[in-house]
N, C-alpha and C. Protein backbone atom coordinates (compact mmCIF):
# COMPACT_ATOMS: atom_id res chain seq x y z
N MET A 1 27.73 -34.85 5.98
CA MET A 1 28.80 -33.94 6.36
C MET A 1 28.81 -32.69 5.49
N LYS A 2 28.60 -32.87 4.19
CA LYS A 2 28.61 -31.72 3.29
C LYS A 2 27.36 -30.86 3.43
N ALA A 3 26.23 -31.47 3.78
CA ALA A 3 24.97 -30.73 3.88
C ALA A 3 25.03 -29.61 4.91
N PRO A 4 25.56 -29.83 6.13
CA PRO A 4 25.62 -28.70 7.08
C PRO A 4 26.51 -27.56 6.60
N ILE A 5 27.59 -27.88 5.92
CA ILE A 5 28.48 -26.84 5.40
C ILE A 5 27.78 -26.05 4.31
N LEU A 6 27.10 -26.75 3.42
CA LEU A 6 26.35 -26.10 2.36
C LEU A 6 25.25 -25.22 2.94
N PHE A 7 24.54 -25.71 3.93
CA PHE A 7 23.48 -24.95 4.58
C PHE A 7 24.04 -23.68 5.22
N ALA A 8 25.17 -23.79 5.89
CA ALA A 8 25.80 -22.62 6.53
C ALA A 8 26.21 -21.60 5.47
N ALA A 9 26.71 -22.05 4.34
CA ALA A 9 27.11 -21.14 3.27
C ALA A 9 25.90 -20.40 2.71
N VAL A 10 24.81 -21.09 2.54
CA VAL A 10 23.59 -20.47 2.03
C VAL A 10 23.09 -19.41 3.01
N ILE A 11 23.13 -19.70 4.29
CA ILE A 11 22.70 -18.74 5.32
C ILE A 11 23.58 -17.50 5.29
N LEU A 12 24.88 -17.67 5.17
CA LEU A 12 25.79 -16.52 5.11
C LEU A 12 25.54 -15.66 3.90
N ILE A 13 25.33 -16.27 2.75
CA ILE A 13 25.06 -15.52 1.53
C ILE A 13 23.74 -14.78 1.65
N ALA A 14 22.72 -15.43 2.16
CA ALA A 14 21.41 -14.79 2.32
C ALA A 14 21.47 -13.61 3.28
N SER A 15 22.22 -13.75 4.37
CA SER A 15 22.30 -12.64 5.31
C SER A 15 23.12 -11.49 4.74
N ALA A 16 24.10 -11.78 3.91
CA ALA A 16 24.88 -10.72 3.27
C ALA A 16 23.99 -9.95 2.31
N ASP A 17 23.15 -10.64 1.54
CA ASP A 17 22.23 -9.98 0.63
C ASP A 17 21.21 -9.14 1.39
N ALA A 18 20.74 -9.64 2.53
CA ALA A 18 19.74 -8.91 3.31
C ALA A 18 20.32 -7.61 3.86
N ASN A 19 21.63 -7.59 4.13
CA ASN A 19 22.26 -6.39 4.67
C ASN A 19 22.77 -5.45 3.59
N ALA A 20 22.78 -5.88 2.34
CA ALA A 20 23.25 -5.02 1.26
C ALA A 20 22.37 -3.79 1.17
N GLY A 21 23.01 -2.64 1.18
CA GLY A 21 22.25 -1.40 1.06
C GLY A 21 21.69 -0.87 2.35
N SER A 22 21.97 -1.54 3.48
CA SER A 22 21.42 -1.08 4.75
C SER A 22 22.03 0.25 5.20
N ASP A 23 23.15 0.64 4.60
CA ASP A 23 23.79 1.91 4.97
C ASP A 23 23.32 3.07 4.09
N ILE A 24 22.41 2.82 3.17
CA ILE A 24 21.88 3.87 2.29
C ILE A 24 20.85 4.69 3.08
N ARG A 25 21.01 6.01 3.02
CA ARG A 25 20.06 6.91 3.70
C ARG A 25 18.88 7.21 2.77
N GLU A 26 17.67 7.18 3.32
CA GLU A 26 16.47 7.55 2.58
C GLU A 26 16.21 9.02 2.85
N VAL A 27 16.24 9.83 1.79
CA VAL A 27 16.10 11.28 1.94
C VAL A 27 15.13 11.83 0.90
N ASP A 28 14.83 13.14 0.99
CA ASP A 28 14.01 13.77 -0.02
C ASP A 28 14.91 14.56 -0.98
N GLU A 29 14.32 15.09 -2.03
CA GLU A 29 15.07 15.80 -3.08
C GLU A 29 15.91 16.95 -2.53
N ALA A 30 15.40 17.67 -1.54
CA ALA A 30 16.12 18.82 -1.00
C ALA A 30 17.46 18.41 -0.38
N LYS A 31 17.53 17.24 0.20
CA LYS A 31 18.75 16.77 0.86
C LYS A 31 19.86 16.40 -0.12
N VAL A 32 19.52 16.15 -1.39
CA VAL A 32 20.52 15.74 -2.37
C VAL A 32 20.83 16.83 -3.39
N ALA A 33 20.42 18.05 -3.10
CA ALA A 33 20.60 19.16 -4.04
C ALA A 33 22.07 19.38 -4.40
N HIS A 34 22.98 19.14 -3.47
CA HIS A 34 24.40 19.36 -3.73
C HIS A 34 25.18 18.05 -3.83
N CYS A 35 24.49 16.97 -4.09
CA CYS A 35 25.12 15.66 -4.20
C CYS A 35 25.31 15.28 -5.67
N THR A 36 26.07 14.24 -5.90
CA THR A 36 26.30 13.74 -7.25
C THR A 36 25.29 12.64 -7.57
N PHE A 37 24.57 12.82 -8.68
CA PHE A 37 23.61 11.80 -9.12
C PHE A 37 24.40 10.56 -9.56
N VAL A 38 23.97 9.39 -9.10
CA VAL A 38 24.65 8.13 -9.45
C VAL A 38 23.88 7.37 -10.52
N ALA A 39 22.59 7.10 -10.26
CA ALA A 39 21.83 6.29 -11.22
C ALA A 39 20.35 6.30 -10.88
N ASP A 40 19.55 6.04 -11.92
CA ASP A 40 18.14 5.71 -11.71
C ASP A 40 18.10 4.24 -11.32
N ILE A 41 17.38 3.93 -10.29
CA ILE A 41 17.32 2.57 -9.73
C ILE A 41 15.87 2.10 -9.76
N GLU A 42 15.69 0.81 -9.99
CA GLU A 42 14.36 0.22 -9.88
C GLU A 42 14.46 -1.04 -9.03
N GLY A 43 13.75 -1.04 -7.91
CA GLY A 43 13.69 -2.22 -7.06
C GLY A 43 12.48 -3.05 -7.43
N ARG A 44 12.62 -4.36 -7.29
CA ARG A 44 11.53 -5.27 -7.65
C ARG A 44 11.28 -6.29 -6.54
N SER A 45 10.05 -6.74 -6.48
CA SER A 45 9.65 -7.79 -5.56
C SER A 45 8.64 -8.68 -6.26
N VAL A 46 8.74 -9.98 -6.02
CA VAL A 46 7.78 -10.90 -6.64
C VAL A 46 6.45 -10.89 -5.94
N PHE A 47 6.39 -10.26 -4.76
CA PHE A 47 5.11 -10.12 -4.09
C PHE A 47 4.31 -9.06 -4.83
N GLY A 48 3.09 -9.36 -5.13
CA GLY A 48 2.26 -8.43 -5.90
C GLY A 48 1.30 -7.65 -5.04
N GLU A 49 0.21 -7.25 -5.64
CA GLU A 49 -0.79 -6.39 -5.03
C GLU A 49 -1.38 -6.97 -3.74
N ARG A 50 -1.53 -8.29 -3.68
CA ARG A 50 -2.17 -8.90 -2.51
C ARG A 50 -1.33 -8.78 -1.24
N LEU A 51 -0.03 -8.69 -1.38
CA LEU A 51 0.86 -8.56 -0.23
C LEU A 51 1.64 -7.25 -0.35
N LYS A 52 0.92 -6.16 -0.54
CA LYS A 52 1.53 -4.88 -0.91
C LYS A 52 2.55 -4.38 0.10
N GLU A 53 2.26 -4.45 1.39
CA GLU A 53 3.20 -3.94 2.39
C GLU A 53 4.54 -4.69 2.32
N GLN A 54 4.48 -6.01 2.28
CA GLN A 54 5.71 -6.81 2.18
C GLN A 54 6.39 -6.59 0.83
N ALA A 55 5.59 -6.42 -0.20
CA ALA A 55 6.13 -6.23 -1.55
C ALA A 55 6.93 -4.93 -1.64
N VAL A 56 6.40 -3.86 -1.10
CA VAL A 56 7.10 -2.58 -1.13
C VAL A 56 8.38 -2.67 -0.31
N LYS A 57 8.31 -3.31 0.84
CA LYS A 57 9.50 -3.48 1.69
C LYS A 57 10.60 -4.23 0.94
N LYS A 58 10.25 -5.32 0.29
CA LYS A 58 11.23 -6.11 -0.46
C LYS A 58 11.77 -5.34 -1.67
N ALA A 59 10.89 -4.61 -2.35
CA ALA A 59 11.34 -3.81 -3.51
C ALA A 59 12.31 -2.73 -3.06
N LYS A 60 12.05 -2.11 -1.91
CA LYS A 60 12.97 -1.10 -1.38
C LYS A 60 14.31 -1.72 -1.00
N GLU A 61 14.29 -2.92 -0.41
CA GLU A 61 15.53 -3.61 -0.08
C GLU A 61 16.35 -3.87 -1.34
N ASP A 62 15.66 -4.30 -2.39
CA ASP A 62 16.32 -4.56 -3.67
C ASP A 62 16.94 -3.27 -4.22
N ALA A 63 16.20 -2.19 -4.17
CA ALA A 63 16.69 -0.91 -4.68
C ALA A 63 17.88 -0.40 -3.87
N ARG A 64 17.80 -0.53 -2.54
CA ARG A 64 18.92 -0.09 -1.71
C ARG A 64 20.18 -0.89 -2.01
N GLY A 65 20.04 -2.17 -2.23
CA GLY A 65 21.18 -3.01 -2.59
C GLY A 65 21.81 -2.57 -3.90
N LYS A 66 20.98 -2.29 -4.90
CA LYS A 66 21.48 -1.83 -6.20
C LYS A 66 22.15 -0.46 -6.06
N ALA A 67 21.57 0.42 -5.26
CA ALA A 67 22.16 1.75 -5.06
C ALA A 67 23.51 1.64 -4.38
N SER A 68 23.61 0.77 -3.40
CA SER A 68 24.88 0.58 -2.70
C SER A 68 25.96 0.05 -3.65
N LYS A 69 25.60 -0.91 -4.46
CA LYS A 69 26.55 -1.47 -5.43
C LYS A 69 26.99 -0.43 -6.45
N ALA A 70 26.13 0.56 -6.72
CA ALA A 70 26.46 1.61 -7.68
C ALA A 70 27.30 2.73 -7.04
N GLY A 71 27.51 2.65 -5.72
CA GLY A 71 28.33 3.64 -5.04
C GLY A 71 27.55 4.79 -4.42
N ALA A 72 26.25 4.63 -4.29
CA ALA A 72 25.42 5.69 -3.72
C ALA A 72 25.47 5.68 -2.20
N THR A 73 25.17 6.83 -1.62
CA THR A 73 25.05 6.94 -0.16
C THR A 73 23.62 7.28 0.24
N ASP A 74 22.86 7.84 -0.69
CA ASP A 74 21.51 8.31 -0.41
C ASP A 74 20.57 7.89 -1.53
N ILE A 75 19.28 7.74 -1.18
CA ILE A 75 18.29 7.35 -2.17
C ILE A 75 17.01 8.17 -1.97
N VAL A 76 16.42 8.56 -3.08
CA VAL A 76 15.15 9.30 -3.07
C VAL A 76 14.12 8.40 -3.75
N TRP A 77 13.06 8.06 -3.02
CA TRP A 77 12.03 7.16 -3.56
C TRP A 77 11.15 7.85 -4.56
N GLY A 78 10.73 7.09 -5.55
CA GLY A 78 9.80 7.57 -6.56
C GLY A 78 8.51 6.77 -6.49
N LYS A 79 7.96 6.51 -7.65
CA LYS A 79 6.65 5.87 -7.77
C LYS A 79 6.72 4.36 -7.53
N VAL A 80 5.70 3.85 -6.84
CA VAL A 80 5.52 2.41 -6.65
C VAL A 80 4.45 1.93 -7.61
N SER A 81 4.71 0.85 -8.31
CA SER A 81 3.67 0.24 -9.14
C SER A 81 3.59 -1.23 -8.76
N SER A 82 2.36 -1.73 -8.73
CA SER A 82 2.16 -3.09 -8.24
C SER A 82 1.07 -3.79 -9.03
N THR A 83 1.43 -4.90 -9.62
CA THR A 83 0.48 -5.81 -10.26
C THR A 83 0.88 -7.20 -9.78
N ASP A 84 1.38 -8.04 -10.66
CA ASP A 84 1.91 -9.34 -10.24
C ASP A 84 3.29 -9.17 -9.59
N ILE A 85 4.02 -8.16 -10.02
CA ILE A 85 5.34 -7.85 -9.48
C ILE A 85 5.30 -6.39 -9.03
N THR A 86 5.84 -6.11 -7.85
CA THR A 86 5.89 -4.75 -7.35
C THR A 86 7.23 -4.13 -7.71
N THR A 87 7.20 -2.91 -8.22
CA THR A 87 8.43 -2.18 -8.52
C THR A 87 8.37 -0.82 -7.85
N ILE A 88 9.56 -0.30 -7.52
CA ILE A 88 9.66 1.05 -6.99
C ILE A 88 10.81 1.75 -7.69
N ALA A 89 10.52 2.94 -8.17
CA ALA A 89 11.54 3.76 -8.83
C ALA A 89 12.26 4.57 -7.76
N ALA A 90 13.54 4.84 -8.02
CA ALA A 90 14.32 5.64 -7.08
C ALA A 90 15.47 6.30 -7.83
N LYS A 91 16.00 7.34 -7.22
CA LYS A 91 17.19 8.00 -7.72
C LYS A 91 18.27 7.86 -6.65
N ALA A 92 19.44 7.42 -7.09
CA ALA A 92 20.55 7.20 -6.15
C ALA A 92 21.57 8.32 -6.30
N TYR A 93 22.09 8.77 -5.17
CA TYR A 93 23.05 9.89 -5.13
C TYR A 93 24.23 9.52 -4.23
N HIS A 94 25.36 10.15 -4.50
CA HIS A 94 26.51 10.05 -3.62
C HIS A 94 26.70 11.43 -2.98
N CYS A 95 26.60 11.46 -1.66
CA CYS A 95 26.71 12.72 -0.92
C CYS A 95 27.90 12.62 0.04
N GLY A 96 28.73 13.62 0.01
CA GLY A 96 29.85 13.67 0.93
C GLY A 96 31.05 12.88 0.44
N GLY A 97 32.10 12.92 1.29
CA GLY A 97 33.41 12.32 1.05
C GLY A 97 33.40 11.12 0.25
């Protein structure tokens, strides 16, 4: 009886994390010229060089989630580095109201 409830809770938490940061806009430096800088962000993924496409996607999801939690509306991507762990640098900004 408790297992289905626990499973449902885990699914809800996982889907909430997957949607975190989905409202962050990906823009270039010119679009944030008149915005407020929020924070330097670094997204990480445990997927390394062998799964680079998936690793970058997961690292960006992580970064968008962190930017959203910091109050940002927009993100500008920086350098990707990949060895055993993939990281992506980004700058988070708050633009508008």
